[in-house]
Amino acid sequence: MRFKPRAHTVFRRVGEELILVNMTTNRMFSANTSGAAIWDAIVVGDDVDALKMRATEESHVADAPADVYAFVSALVDEDLIERA
């Protein structure tokens, strides 16, 4: 499954942190380096299932796919991304 940023979502990196703003609700969100890496993958059109597999391979952490899913779910819940 692929996602893309919603038209009303703006984002900017500030150091290692990613700042996301939903311009419809004026709500602001931040993400750490892991979240920023997931965001970057979404922006370029990577498949979320591929993200989960890559997260497991790169981090060697069993919960990595769940973390990717949780972050993507939060982005959907906050109306920052939509299915591509």
PDB file of N, CA and C in Angstrom:
ATOM      1  N   MET A   1       0.844  -1.172   0.000  1.00  0.00           N
ATOM      2  CA  MET A   1       0.000   0.000   0.000  1.00  0.00           C
ATOM      3  C   MET A   1       0.893   1.240   0.000  1.00  0.00           C
ATOM      4  N   ARG A   2       0.531   2.194  -0.818  1.00  0.00           N
ATOM      5  CA  ARG A   2       1.303   3.428  -0.923  1.00  0.00           C
ATOM      6  C   ARG A   2       0.466   4.612  -0.428  1.00  0.00           C
ATOM      7  N   PHE A   3       1.172   5.584   0.124  1.00  0.00           N
ATOM      8  CA  PHE A   3       0.538   6.805   0.611  1.00  0.00           C
ATOM      9  C   PHE A   3       1.242   8.003   0.017  1.00  0.00           C
ATOM     10  N   LYS A   4       0.603   9.150   0.127  1.00  0.00           N
ATOM     11  CA  LYS A   4       1.210  10.412  -0.296  1.00  0.00           C
ATOM     12  C   LYS A   4       0.751  11.504   0.660  1.00  0.00           C
ATOM     13  N   PRO A   5       1.535  12.558   0.787  1.00  0.00           N
ATOM     14  CA  PRO A   5       1.109  13.673   1.654  1.00  0.00           C
ATOM     15  C   PRO A   5      -0.173  14.299   1.112  1.00  0.00           C
ATOM     16  N   ARG A   6      -1.034  14.713   2.008  1.00  0.00           N
ATOM     17  CA  ARG A   6      -2.242  15.436   1.604  1.00  0.00           C
ATOM     18  C   ARG A   6      -1.834  16.817   1.103  1.00  0.00           C
ATOM     19  N   ALA A   7      -2.644  17.406   0.243  1.00  0.00           N
ATOM     20  CA  ALA A   7      -2.329  18.715  -0.335  1.00  0.00           C
ATOM     21  C   ALA A   7      -2.200  19.792   0.737  1.00  0.00           C
ATOM     22  N   HIS A   8      -2.904  19.615   1.850  1.00  0.00           N
ATOM     23  CA  HIS A   8      -2.866  20.625   2.916  1.00  0.00           C
ATOM     24  C   HIS A   8      -1.786  20.349   3.973  1.00  0.00           C
ATOM     25  N   THR A   9      -0.884  19.412   3.685  1.00  0.00           N
ATOM     26  CA  THR A   9       0.204  19.101   4.606  1.00  0.00           C
ATOM     27  C   THR A   9       1.486  19.773   4.133  1.00  0.00           C
ATOM     28  N   VAL A  10       2.104  20.522   5.023  1.00  0.00           N
ATOM     29  CA  VAL A  10       3.411  21.094   4.733  1.00  0.00           C
ATOM     30  C   VAL A  10       4.408  20.483   5.706  1.00  0.00           C
ATOM     31  N   PHE A  11       5.654  20.385   5.274  1.00  0.00           N
ATOM     32  CA  PHE A  11       6.672  19.768   6.124  1.00  0.00           C
ATOM     33  C   PHE A  11       8.009  20.424   5.891  1.00  0.00           C
ATOM     34  N   ARG A  12       8.806  20.373   6.929  1.00  0.00           N
ATOM     35  CA  ARG A  12      10.152  20.957   6.868  1.00  0.00           C
ATOM     36  C   ARG A  12      11.024  20.255   7.897  1.00  0.00           C
ATOM     37  N   ARG A  13      12.267  20.099   7.536  1.00  0.00           N
ATOM     38  CA  ARG A  13      13.246  19.548   8.479  1.00  0.00           C
ATOM     39  C   ARG A  13      13.863  20.685   9.269  1.00  0.00           C
ATOM     40  N   VAL A  14      14.009  20.452  10.546  1.00  0.00           N
ATOM     41  CA  VAL A  14      14.694  21.385  11.437  1.00  0.00           C
ATOM     42  C   VAL A  14      15.732  20.548  12.173  1.00  0.00           C
ATOM     43  N   GLY A  15      16.960  20.613  11.705  1.00  0.00           N
ATOM     44  CA  GLY A  15      17.986  19.729  12.241  1.00  0.00           C
ATOM     45  C   GLY A  15      17.639  18.305  11.881  1.00  0.00           C
ATOM     46  N   GLU A  16      17.603  17.434  12.870  1.00  0.00           N
ATOM     47  CA  GLU A  16      17.244  16.038  12.633  1.00  0.00           C
ATOM     48  C   GLU A  16      15.750  15.793  12.804  1.00  0.00           C
ATOM     49  N   GLU A  17      15.025  16.794  13.200  1.00  0.00           N
ATOM     50  CA  GLU A  17      13.596  16.669  13.450  1.00  0.00           C
ATOM     51  C   GLU A  17      12.803  17.046  12.207  1.00  0.00           C
ATOM     52  N   LEU A  18      11.660  16.394  12.021  1.00  0.00           N
ATOM     53  CA  LEU A  18      10.745  16.705  10.937  1.00  0.00           C
ATOM     54  C   LEU A  18       9.520  17.373  11.546  1.00  0.00           C
ATOM     55  N   ILE A  19       9.137  18.517  10.991  1.00  0.00           N
ATOM     56  CA  ILE A  19       7.940  19.215  11.441  1.00  0.00           C
ATOM     57  C   ILE A  19       6.882  19.073  10.355  1.00  0.00           C
ATOM     58  N   LEU A  20       5.694  18.644  10.743  1.00  0.00           N
ATOM     59  CA  LEU A  20       4.560  18.483   9.841  1.00  0.00           C
ATOM     60  C   LEU A  20       3.449  19.406  10.314  1.00  0.00           C
ATOM     61  N   VAL A  21       2.778  20.073   9.372  1.00  0.00           N
ATOM     62  CA  VAL A  21       1.664  20.947   9.729  1.00  0.00           C
ATOM     63  C   VAL A  21       0.484  20.625   8.833  1.00  0.00           C
ATOM     64  N   ASN A  22      -0.660  20.379   9.459  1.00  0.00           N
ATOM     65  CA  ASN A  22      -1.917  20.237   8.740  1.00  0.00           C
ATOM     66  C   ASN A  22      -2.493  21.640   8.631  1.00  0.00           C
ATOM     67  N   MET A  23      -2.449  22.218   7.440  1.00  0.00           N
ATOM     68  CA  MET A  23      -2.866  23.601   7.250  1.00  0.00           C
ATOM     69  C   MET A  23      -4.381  23.782   7.380  1.00  0.00           C
ATOM     70  N   THR A  24      -5.137  22.702   7.323  1.00  0.00           N
ATOM     71  CA  THR A  24      -6.585  22.772   7.517  1.00  0.00           C
ATOM     72  C   THR A  24      -6.932  22.962   8.981  1.00  0.00           C
ATOM     73  N   THR A  25      -6.220  22.227   9.839  1.00  0.00           N
ATOM     74  CA  THR A  25      -6.514  22.272  11.274  1.00  0.00           C
ATOM     75  C   THR A  25      -5.523  23.141  12.046  1.00  0.00           C
ATOM     76  N   ASN A  26      -4.438  23.547  11.383  1.00  0.00           N
ATOM     77  CA  ASN A  26      -3.345  24.290  12.012  1.00  0.00           C
ATOM     78  C   ASN A  26      -2.668  23.511  13.130  1.00  0.00           C
ATOM     79  N   ARG A  27      -2.768  22.194  13.069  1.00  0.00           N
ATOM     80  CA  ARG A  27      -2.086  21.355  14.055  1.00  0.00           C
ATOM     81  C   ARG A  27      -0.688  21.053  13.561  1.00  0.00           C
ATOM     82  N   MET A  28       0.266  21.075  14.482  1.00  0.00           N
ATOM     83  CA  MET A  28       1.671  20.842  14.169  1.00  0.00           C
ATOM     84  C   MET A  28       2.118  19.551  14.841  1.00  0.00           C
ATOM     85  N   PHE A  29       2.953  18.804  14.131  1.00  0.00           N
ATOM     86  CA  PHE A  29       3.467  17.543  14.632  1.00  0.00           C
ATOM     87  C   PHE A  29       4.957  17.489  14.379  1.00  0.00           C
ATOM     88  N   SER A  30       5.667  16.730  15.194  1.00  0.00           N
ATOM     89  CA  SER A  30       7.093  16.551  14.958  1.00  0.00           C
ATOM     90  C   SER A  30       7.410  15.057  14.968  1.00  0.00           C
ATOM     91  N   ALA A  31       8.483  14.720  14.276  1.00  0.00           N
ATOM     92  CA  ALA A  31       8.922  13.330  14.210  1.00  0.00           C
ATOM     93  C   ALA A  31      10.429  13.292  14.385  1.00  0.00           C
ATOM     94  N   ASN A  32      10.897  12.231  15.031  1.00  0.00           N
ATOM     95  CA  ASN A  32      12.332  12.038  15.220  1.00  0.00           C
ATOM     96  C   ASN A  32      12.946  11.508  13.924  1.00  0.00           C
ATOM     97  N   THR A  33      14.201  11.121  13.976  1.00  0.00           N
ATOM     98  CA  THR A  33      14.886  10.677  12.762  1.00  0.00           C
ATOM     99  C   THR A  33      14.246   9.434  12.152  1.00  0.00           C
ATOM    100  N   SER A  34      13.745   8.530  12.974  1.00  0.00           N
ATOM    101  CA  SER A  34      13.076   7.337  12.439  1.00  0.00           C
ATOM    102  C   SER A  34      11.789   7.712  11.715  1.00  0.00           C
ATOM    103  N   GLY A  35      10.997   8.569  12.341  1.00  0.00           N
ATOM    104  CA  GLY A  35       9.768   9.033  11.703  1.00  0.00           C
ATOM    105  C   GLY A  35      10.065   9.821  10.439  1.00  0.00           C
ATOM    106  N   ALA A  36      11.122  10.620  10.465  1.00  0.00           N
ATOM    107  CA  ALA A  36      11.498  11.406   9.284  1.00  0.00           C
ATOM    108  C   ALA A  36      11.903  10.479   8.137  1.00  0.00           C
ATOM    109  N   ALA A  37      12.575   9.383   8.438  1.00  0.00           N
ATOM    110  CA  ALA A  37      12.962   8.423   7.397  1.00  0.00           C
ATOM    111  C   ALA A  37      11.733   7.771   6.776  1.00  0.00           C
ATOM    112  N   ILE A  38      10.750   7.442   7.608  1.00  0.00           N
ATOM    113  CA  ILE A  38       9.503   6.872   7.097  1.00  0.00           C
ATOM    114  C   ILE A  38       8.800   7.905   6.226  1.00  0.00           C
ATOM    115  N   TRP A  39       8.749   9.152   6.692  1.00  0.00           N
ATOM    116  CA  TRP A  39       8.122  10.225   5.919  1.00  0.00           C
ATOM    117  C   TRP A  39       8.798  10.371   4.557  1.00  0.00           C
ATOM    118  N   ASP A  40      10.124  10.390   4.549  1.00  0.00           N
ATOM    119  CA  ASP A  40      10.860  10.531   3.292  1.00  0.00           C
ATOM    120  C   ASP A  40      10.495   9.411   2.324  1.00  0.00           C
ATOM    121  N   ALA A  41      10.355   8.205   2.837  1.00  0.00           N
ATOM    122  CA  ALA A  41       9.991   7.063   1.993  1.00  0.00           C
ATOM    123  C   ALA A  41       8.578   7.220   1.439  1.00  0.00           C
ATOM    124  N   ILE A  42       7.665   7.722   2.255  1.00  0.00           N
ATOM    125  CA  ILE A  42       6.297   7.957   1.795  1.00  0.00           C
ATOM    126  C   ILE A  42       6.294   9.001   0.683  1.00  0.00           C
ATOM    127  N   VAL A  43       7.052  10.073   0.870  1.00  0.00           N
ATOM    128  CA  VAL A  43       7.088  11.170  -0.107  1.00  0.00           C
ATOM    129  C   VAL A  43       7.571  10.685  -1.476  1.00  0.00           C
ATOM    130  N   VAL A  44       8.533   9.777  -1.491  1.00  0.00           N
ATOM    131  CA  VAL A  44       9.045   9.291  -2.773  1.00  0.00           C
ATOM    132  C   VAL A  44       8.226   8.118  -3.323  1.00  0.00           C
ATOM    133  N   GLY A  45       7.180   7.701  -2.594  1.00  0.00           N
ATOM    134  CA  GLY A  45       6.268   6.689  -3.109  1.00  0.00           C
ATOM    135  C   GLY A  45       6.584   5.257  -2.757  1.00  0.00           C
ATOM    136  N   ASP A  46       7.423   5.046  -1.746  1.00  0.00           N
ATOM    137  CA  ASP A  46       7.721   3.675  -1.327  1.00  0.00           C
ATOM    138  C   ASP A  46       6.471   3.003  -0.761  1.00  0.00           C
ATOM    139  N   ASP A  47       6.383   1.716  -0.976  1.00  0.00           N
ATOM    140  CA  ASP A  47       5.299   0.899  -0.450  1.00  0.00           C
ATOM    141  C   ASP A  47       5.496   0.694   1.047  1.00  0.00           C
ATOM    142  N   VAL A  48       4.433   0.806   1.832  1.00  0.00           N
ATOM    143  CA  VAL A  48       4.533   0.684   3.287  1.00  0.00           C
ATOM    144  C   VAL A  48       4.994  -0.707   3.698  1.00  0.00           C
ATOM    145  N   ASP A  49       4.567  -1.743   2.991  1.00  0.00           N
ATOM    146  CA  ASP A  49       5.024  -3.095   3.323  1.00  0.00           C
ATOM    147  C   ASP A  49       6.530  -3.215   3.120  1.00  0.00           C
ATOM    148  N   ALA A  50       7.043  -2.576   2.079  1.00  0.00           N
ATOM    149  CA  ALA A  50       8.496  -2.576   1.855  1.00  0.00           C
ATOM    150  C   ALA A  50       9.197  -1.810   2.972  1.00  0.00           C
ATOM    151  N   LEU A  51       8.575  -0.748   3.454  1.00  0.00           N
ATOM    152  CA  LEU A  51       9.140   0.012   4.576  1.00  0.00           C
ATOM    153  C   LEU A  51       9.263  -0.858   5.816  1.00  0.00           C
ATOM    154  N   LYS A  52       8.238  -1.650   6.077  1.00  0.00           N
ATOM    155  CA  LYS A  52       8.257  -2.529   7.242  1.00  0.00           C
ATOM    156  C   LYS A  52       9.394  -3.537   7.147  1.00  0.00           C
ATOM    157  N   MET A  53       9.557  -4.127   5.955  1.00  0.00           N
ATOM    158  CA  MET A  53      10.632  -5.105   5.767  1.00  0.00           C
ATOM    159  C   MET A  53      11.997  -4.439   5.911  1.00  0.00           C
ATOM    160  N   ARG A  54      12.161  -3.262   5.320  1.00  0.00           N
ATOM    161  CA  ARG A  54      13.438  -2.566   5.394  1.00  0.00           C
ATOM    162  C   ARG A  54      13.750  -2.151   6.827  1.00  0.00           C
ATOM    163  N   ALA A  55      12.731  -1.742   7.570  1.00  0.00           N
ATOM    164  CA  ALA A  55      12.932  -1.348   8.965  1.00  0.00           C
ATOM    165  C   ALA A  55      13.448  -2.520   9.791  1.00  0.00           C
ATOM    166  N   THR A  56      12.917  -3.696   9.546  1.00  0.00           N
ATOM    167  CA  THR A  56      13.367  -4.888  10.261  1.00  0.00           C
ATOM    168  C   THR A  56      14.812  -5.214   9.904  1.00  0.00           C
ATOM    169  N   GLU A  57      15.130  -5.150   8.614  1.00  0.00           N
ATOM    170  CA  GLU A  57      16.491  -5.476   8.163  1.00  0.00           C
ATOM    171  C   GLU A  57      17.509  -4.479   8.706  1.00  0.00           C
ATOM    172  N   GLU A  58      17.171  -3.194   8.690  1.00  0.00           N
ATOM    173  CA  GLU A  58      18.126  -2.162   9.083  1.00  0.00           C
ATOM    174  C   GLU A  58      18.300  -2.067  10.590  1.00  0.00           C
ATOM    175  N   SER A  59      17.207  -2.284  11.343  1.00  0.00           N
ATOM    176  CA  SER A  59      17.295  -2.091  12.790  1.00  0.00           C
ATOM    177  C   SER A  59      17.501  -3.382  13.560  1.00  0.00           C
ATOM    178  N   HIS A  60      17.165  -4.511  12.950  1.00  0.00           N
ATOM    179  CA  HIS A  60      17.245  -5.812  13.620  1.00  0.00           C
ATOM    180  C   HIS A  60      16.390  -5.833  14.888  1.00  0.00           C
ATOM    181  N   VAL A  61      15.299  -5.067  14.853  1.00  0.00           N
ATOM    182  CA  VAL A  61      14.371  -5.007  15.973  1.00  0.00           C
ATOM    183  C   VAL A  61      13.058  -5.638  15.524  1.00  0.00           C
ATOM    184  N   ALA A  62      12.583  -6.606  16.280  1.00  0.00           N
ATOM    185  CA  ALA A  62      11.374  -7.333  15.894  1.00  0.00           C
ATOM    186  C   ALA A  62      10.147  -6.435  15.805  1.00  0.00           C
ATOM    187  N   ASP A  63      10.085  -5.373  16.628  1.00  0.00           N
ATOM    188  CA  ASP A  63       8.919  -4.495  16.643  1.00  0.00           C
ATOM    189  C   ASP A  63       8.963  -3.415  15.564  1.00  0.00           C
ATOM    190  N   ALA A  64      10.001  -3.379  14.756  1.00  0.00           N
ATOM    191  CA  ALA A  64      10.144  -2.320  13.755  1.00  0.00           C
ATOM    192  C   ALA A  64       8.933  -2.228  12.825  1.00  0.00           C
ATOM    193  N   PRO A  65       8.398  -3.343  12.292  1.00  0.00           N
ATOM    194  CA  PRO A  65       7.221  -3.215  11.429  1.00  0.00           C
ATOM    195  C   PRO A  65       6.015  -2.613  12.148  1.00  0.00           C
ATOM    196  N   ALA A  66       5.843  -2.947  13.416  1.00  0.00           N
ATOM    197  CA  ALA A  66       4.742  -2.380  14.196  1.00  0.00           C
ATOM    198  C   ALA A  66       4.938  -0.882  14.387  1.00  0.00           C
ATOM    199  N   ASP A  67       6.184  -0.460  14.564  1.00  0.00           N
ATOM    200  CA  ASP A  67       6.480   0.963  14.708  1.00  0.00           C
ATOM    201  C   ASP A  67       6.170   1.724  13.427  1.00  0.00           C
ATOM    202  N   VAL A  68       6.521   1.144  12.280  1.00  0.00           N
ATOM    203  CA  VAL A  68       6.197   1.768  10.987  1.00  0.00           C
ATOM    204  C   VAL A  68       4.687   1.877  10.846  1.00  0.00           C
ATOM    205  N   TYR A  69       3.985   0.783  11.133  1.00  0.00           N
ATOM    206  CA  TYR A  69       2.527   0.779  11.027  1.00  0.00           C
ATOM    207  C   TYR A  69       1.914   1.834  11.953  1.00  0.00           C
ATOM    208  N   ALA A  70       2.391   1.934  13.177  1.00  0.00           N
ATOM    209  CA  ALA A  70       1.853   2.897  14.139  1.00  0.00           C
ATOM    210  C   ALA A  70       2.065   4.329  13.648  1.00  0.00           C
ATOM    211  N   PHE A  71       3.247   4.609  13.107  1.00  0.00           N
ATOM    212  CA  PHE A  71       3.534   5.964  12.626  1.00  0.00           C
ATOM    213  C   PHE A  71       2.660   6.297  11.426  1.00  0.00           C
ATOM    214  N   VAL A  72       2.564   5.376  10.468  1.00  0.00           N
ATOM    215  CA  VAL A  72       1.728   5.603   9.286  1.00  0.00           C
ATOM    216  C   VAL A  72       0.267   5.765   9.706  1.00  0.00           C
ATOM    217  N   SER A  73      -0.195   4.961  10.639  1.00  0.00           N
ATOM    218  CA  SER A  73      -1.576   5.077  11.128  1.00  0.00           C
ATOM    219  C   SER A  73      -1.829   6.439  11.764  1.00  0.00           C
ATOM    220  N   ALA A  74      -0.855   6.932  12.520  1.00  0.00           N
ATOM    221  CA  ALA A  74      -0.994   8.255  13.138  1.00  0.00           C
ATOM    222  C   ALA A  74      -1.065   9.345  12.075  1.00  0.00           C
ATOM    223  N   LEU A  75      -0.262   9.218  11.020  1.00  0.00           N
ATOM    224  CA  LEU A  75      -0.303  10.200   9.935  1.00  0.00           C
ATOM    225  C   LEU A  75      -1.661  10.197   9.238  1.00  0.00           C
ATOM    226  N   VAL A  76      -2.222   9.011   9.051  1.00  0.00           N
ATOM    227  CA  VAL A  76      -3.558   8.899   8.444  1.00  0.00           C
ATOM    228  C   VAL A  76      -4.600   9.503   9.375  1.00  0.00           C
ATOM    229  N   ASP A  77      -4.540   9.155  10.652  1.00  0.00           N
ATOM    230  CA  ASP A  77      -5.510   9.654  11.640  1.00  0.00           C
ATOM    231  C   ASP A  77      -5.492  11.174  11.719  1.00  0.00           C
ATOM    232  N   GLU A  78      -4.320  11.769  11.551  1.00  0.00           N
ATOM    233  CA  GLU A  78      -4.197  13.221  11.630  1.00  0.00           C
ATOM    234  C   GLU A  78      -4.409  13.893  10.277  1.00  0.00           C
ATOM    235  N   ASP A  79      -4.814  13.102   9.279  1.00  0.00           N
ATOM    236  CA  ASP A  79      -5.141  13.593   7.941  1.00  0.00           C
ATOM    237  C   ASP A  79      -3.945  14.260   7.262  1.00  0.00           C
ATOM    238  N   LEU A  80      -2.754  13.727   7.525  1.00  0.00           N
ATOM    239  CA  LEU A  80      -1.532  14.267   6.927  1.00  0.00           C
ATOM    240  C   LEU A  80      -1.158  13.529   5.643  1.00  0.00           C
ATOM    241  N   ILE A  81      -1.615  12.273   5.511  1.00  0.00           N
ATOM    242  CA  ILE A  81      -1.361  11.496   4.306  1.00  0.00           C
ATOM    243  C   ILE A  81      -2.652  10.815   3.860  1.00  0.00           C
ATOM    244  N   GLU A  82      -2.634  10.357   2.609  1.00  0.00           N
ATOM    245  CA  GLU A  82      -3.769   9.608   2.059  1.00  0.00           C
ATOM    246  C   GLU A  82      -3.225   8.512   1.166  1.00  0.00           C
ATOM    247  N   ARG A  83      -4.068   7.558   0.837  1.00  0.00           N
ATOM    248  CA  ARG A  83      -3.638   6.492  -0.076  1.00  0.00           C
ATOM    249  C   ARG A  83      -3.319   7.091  -1.437  1.00  0.00           C
ATOM    250  N   ALA A  84      -2.242   6.590  -2.015  1.00  0.00           N
ATOM    251  CA  ALA A  84      -1.822   7.080  -3.335  1.00  0.00           C
ATOM    252  C   ALA A  84      -2.489   6.272  -4.431  1.00  0.00           C
TER     253      ALA A  84
END
